[in-house]
Structures are given as structure tokens and as C-alpha cells.
C-alpha atoms as a PDB file:
ATOM      1  CA  UNK A   1     126.050  93.118  98.702  1.00  0.00           C
ATOM      2  CA  UNK A   2     125.065  96.660  97.776  1.00  0.00           C
ATOM      3  CA  UNK A   3     125.351  97.609  94.096  1.00  0.00           C
ATOM      4  CA  UNK A   4     126.905 101.000  93.425  1.00  0.00           C
ATOM      5  CA  UNK A   5     126.343 102.316  89.920  1.00  0.00           C
ATOM      6  CA  UNK A   6     127.083 105.938  89.003  1.00  0.00           C
ATOM      7  CA  UNK A   7     124.205 105.924  86.485  1.00  0.00           C
ATOM      8  CA  UNK A   8     121.587 105.126  89.137  1.00  0.00           C
ATOM      9  CA  UNK A   9     120.569 107.758  91.717  1.00  0.00           C
ATOM     10  CA  UNK A  10     122.111 107.174  95.136  1.00  0.00           C
ATOM     11  CA  UNK A  11     118.738 106.967  96.924  1.00  0.00           C
ATOM     12  CA  UNK A  12     117.894 103.788  94.970  1.00  0.00           C
ATOM     13  CA  UNK A  13     119.197 100.765  96.873  1.00  0.00           C
ATOM     14  CA  UNK A  14     119.980  97.656  94.813  1.00  0.00           C
ATOM     15  CA  UNK A  15     121.440  94.491  96.298  1.00  0.00           C
ATOM     16  CA  UNK A  16     123.099  91.662  94.414  1.00  0.00           C
ATOM     17  CA  UNK A  17     124.401  88.207  95.152  1.00  0.00           C
ATOM     18  CA  UNK A  18     128.103  87.728  94.472  1.00  0.00           C
ATOM     19  CA  UNK A  19     127.597  84.039  93.719  1.00  0.00           C
ATOM     20  CA  UNK A  20     124.650  84.021  91.295  1.00  0.00           C
ATOM     21  CA  UNK A  21     124.623  87.755  90.409  1.00  0.00           C
ATOM     22  CA  UNK A  22     120.906  87.890  91.176  1.00  0.00           C
ATOM     23  CA  UNK A  23     119.612  91.353  92.008  1.00  0.00           C
ATOM     24  CA  UNK A  24     116.817  92.579  94.235  1.00  0.00           C
ATOM     25  CA  UNK A  25     115.628  95.858  95.674  1.00  0.00           C
ATOM     26  CA  UNK A  26     113.274  97.004  98.393  1.00  0.00           C
ATOM     27  CA  UNK A  27     109.801  97.995  97.213  1.00  0.00           C
ATOM     28  CA  UNK A  28     110.462 101.682  97.899  1.00  0.00           C
ATOM     29  CA  UNK A  29     113.619 101.580  95.777  1.00  0.00           C
ATOM     30  CA  UNK A  30     111.734  99.800  93.000  1.00  0.00           C
ATOM     31  CA  UNK A  31     109.159 102.600  92.981  1.00  0.00           C
ATOM     32  CA  UNK A  32     111.904 105.228  92.909  1.00  0.00           C
ATOM     33  CA  UNK A  33     113.668 103.404  90.077  1.00  0.00           C
ATOM     34  CA  UNK A  34     110.465 103.212  87.993  1.00  0.00           C
ATOM     35  CA  UNK A  35     109.902 106.956  88.517  1.00  0.00           C
ATOM     36  CA  UNK A  36     113.538 107.636  87.570  1.00  0.00           C
ATOM     37  CA  UNK A  37     113.181 105.414  84.496  1.00  0.00           C
ATOM     38  CA  UNK A  38     109.974 107.211  83.431  1.00  0.00           C
ATOM     39  CA  UNK A  39     111.560 110.644  83.827  1.00  0.00           C
ATOM     40  CA  UNK A  40     114.611 109.571  81.812  1.00  0.00           C
ATOM     41  CA  UNK A  41     112.402 108.119  79.098  1.00  0.00           C
ATOM     42  CA  UNK A  42     110.269 111.271  78.924  1.00  0.00           C
ATOM     43  CA  UNK A  43     113.299 113.548  78.732  1.00  0.00           C
ATOM     44  CA  UNK A  44     114.881 111.317  76.083  1.00  0.00           C
ATOM     45  CA  UNK A  45     111.700 111.261  74.031  1.00  0.00           C
ATOM     46  CA  UNK A  46     111.327 115.043  74.163  1.00  0.00           C
ATOM     47  CA  UNK A  47     114.957 115.932  73.502  1.00  0.00           C
ATOM     48  CA  UNK A  48     116.138 113.326  71.052  1.00  0.00           C
ATOM     49  CA  UNK A  49     113.055 112.393  69.123  1.00  0.00           C
ATOM     50  CA  UNK A  50     112.637 115.970  67.941  1.00  0.00           C
ATOM     51  CA  UNK A  51     116.050 115.809  66.284  1.00  0.00           C
ATOM     52  CA  UNK A  52     115.731 112.335  64.753  1.00  0.00           C
ATOM     53  CA  UNK A  53     115.196 111.890  61.036  1.00  0.00           C
ATOM     54  CA  UNK A  54     111.678 110.683  60.224  1.00  0.00           C
ATOM     55  CA  UNK A  55     112.953 107.339  58.860  1.00  0.00           C
ATOM     56  CA  UNK A  56     114.919 106.587  62.017  1.00  0.00           C
ATOM     57  CA  UNK A  57     111.946 107.498  64.198  1.00  0.00           C
ATOM     58  CA  UNK A  58     109.764 105.045  62.217  1.00  0.00           C
ATOM     59  CA  UNK A  59     112.369 102.296  62.666  1.00  0.00           C
ATOM     60  CA  UNK A  60     112.480 102.921  66.422  1.00  0.00           C
ATOM     61  CA  UNK A  61     108.690 102.724  66.594  1.00  0.00           C
ATOM     62  CA  UNK A  62     108.753  99.497  64.584  1.00  0.00           C
ATOM     63  CA  UNK A  63     111.381  97.959  66.904  1.00  0.00           C
ATOM     64  CA  UNK A  64     109.395  98.958  69.990  1.00  0.00           C
ATOM     65  CA  UNK A  65     106.245  97.416  68.520  1.00  0.00           C
ATOM     66  CA  UNK A  66     108.097  94.216  67.605  1.00  0.00           C
ATOM     67  CA  UNK A  67     109.576  94.036  71.119  1.00  0.00           C
ATOM     68  CA  UNK A  68     106.106  94.307  72.640  1.00  0.00           C
ATOM     69  CA  UNK A  69     104.802  91.570  70.313  1.00  0.00           C
ATOM     70  CA  UNK A  70     107.742  89.306  71.194  1.00  0.00           C
ATOM     71  CA  UNK A  71     107.119  89.872  74.897  1.00  0.00           C
ATOM     72  CA  UNK A  72     103.449  88.997  74.431  1.00  0.00           C
ATOM     73  CA  UNK A  73     104.397  85.757  72.614  1.00  0.00           C
ATOM     74  CA  UNK A  74     106.864  84.900  75.388  1.00  0.00           C
ATOM     75  CA  UNK A  75     104.175  85.466  78.035  1.00  0.00           C
ATOM     76  CA  UNK A  76     101.767  83.241  76.081  1.00  0.00           C
ATOM     77  CA  UNK A  77     104.437  80.528  75.855  1.00  0.00           C
ATOM     78  CA  UNK A  78     105.129  80.745  79.596  1.00  0.00           C
ATOM     79  CA  UNK A  79     101.406  80.461  80.312  1.00  0.00           C
ATOM     80  CA  UNK A  80     101.156  77.380  78.069  1.00  0.00           C
ATOM     81  CA  UNK A  81     104.157  75.836  79.808  1.00  0.00           C
ATOM     82  CA  UNK A  82     102.737  76.486  83.285  1.00  0.00           C
ATOM     83  CA  UNK A  83      99.374  75.072  82.239  1.00  0.00           C
ATOM     84  CA  UNK A  84     101.043  71.919  80.907  1.00  0.00           C
ATOM     85  CA  UNK A  85     102.902  71.521  84.204  1.00  0.00           C
ATOM     86  CA  UNK A  86      99.647  71.934  86.120  1.00  0.00           C
ATOM     87  CA  UNK A  87      97.877  69.373  83.943  1.00  0.00           C
ATOM     88  CA  UNK A  88     100.785  66.953  84.418  1.00  0.00           C
ATOM     89  CA  UNK A  89     100.515  67.265  88.196  1.00  0.00           C
ATOM     90  CA  UNK A  90      96.744  66.726  88.061  1.00  0.00           C
ATOM     91  CA  UNK A  91      97.202  63.622  85.903  1.00  0.00           C
ATOM     92  CA  UNK A  92      99.822  62.289  88.298  1.00  0.00           C
ATOM     93  CA  UNK A  93      97.472  62.805  91.249  1.00  0.00           C
ATOM     94  CA  UNK A  94      94.669  61.037  89.372  1.00  0.00           C
ATOM     95  CA  UNK A  95      97.002  58.157  88.576  1.00  0.00           C
ATOM     96  CA  UNK A  96      97.966  57.819  92.247  1.00  0.00           C
ATOM     97  CA  UNK A  97      94.334  58.003  93.331  1.00  0.00           C
ATOM     98  CA  UNK A  98      93.308  55.356  90.813  1.00  0.00           C
ATOM     99  CA  UNK A  99      96.000  53.068  92.202  1.00  0.00           C
ATOM    100  CA  UNK A 100      94.499  53.339  95.697  1.00  0.00           C
ATOM    101  CA  UNK A 101      90.940  52.969  94.444  1.00  0.00           C
ATOM    102  CA  UNK A 102      91.811  49.709  92.640  1.00  0.00           C
ATOM    103  CA  UNK A 103      93.188  48.201  95.854  1.00  0.00           C
END
């Protein structure tokens, strides 16, 4: 089903599943959305950051930095998890092979 959101430009096509609420978009729409997101971010940074108190701006920077660090930790955890799954599969294959070699 096609998602219609007034906050997203009409030339960006986003589909969603009514059962699982998963969302996907064509590659061209993804590129358009990233460009739209960048332009919004740039305009926000120029307009609003100039008017922010220095203390608030520092807190925003700190939160952004913490978010990036958390994302990095999450990616490291996912890599460790995938590696452990891979090693488990390899060990299972070796176990099966050793069974046939013993026979």
C-alpha cells in the first residue's frame, strides 16, 4: 500500500505493509528522500542553530555525539553476533563431517 504523508514530498514513493507495517521504497525515491533530508537538515542548522543559546547548542552536539557512539557500539555488537552465528555453523559442519569420517 502507498504511504501518503503530508510532511514528505509527493514525488517520494513509500510503500508499507498493512500487516507488519514494514516500509520500503524504490531506489530513486530513497535517493530523493536522502536529498530532501539533507536539505531540511541544512536549513534547520542554518536557521535554528544561529538562534540557540550556546548551552543548548553544546547539549545538542553532545547528544549527537552520544548517538553516534551508541550506533557504533550497536554495529559492533551485531558484528559479534553474526560472527558467533558463523562460527556455530562452521562447528556444526565440522561435527557432521567428523561423524562421517569416523564411519
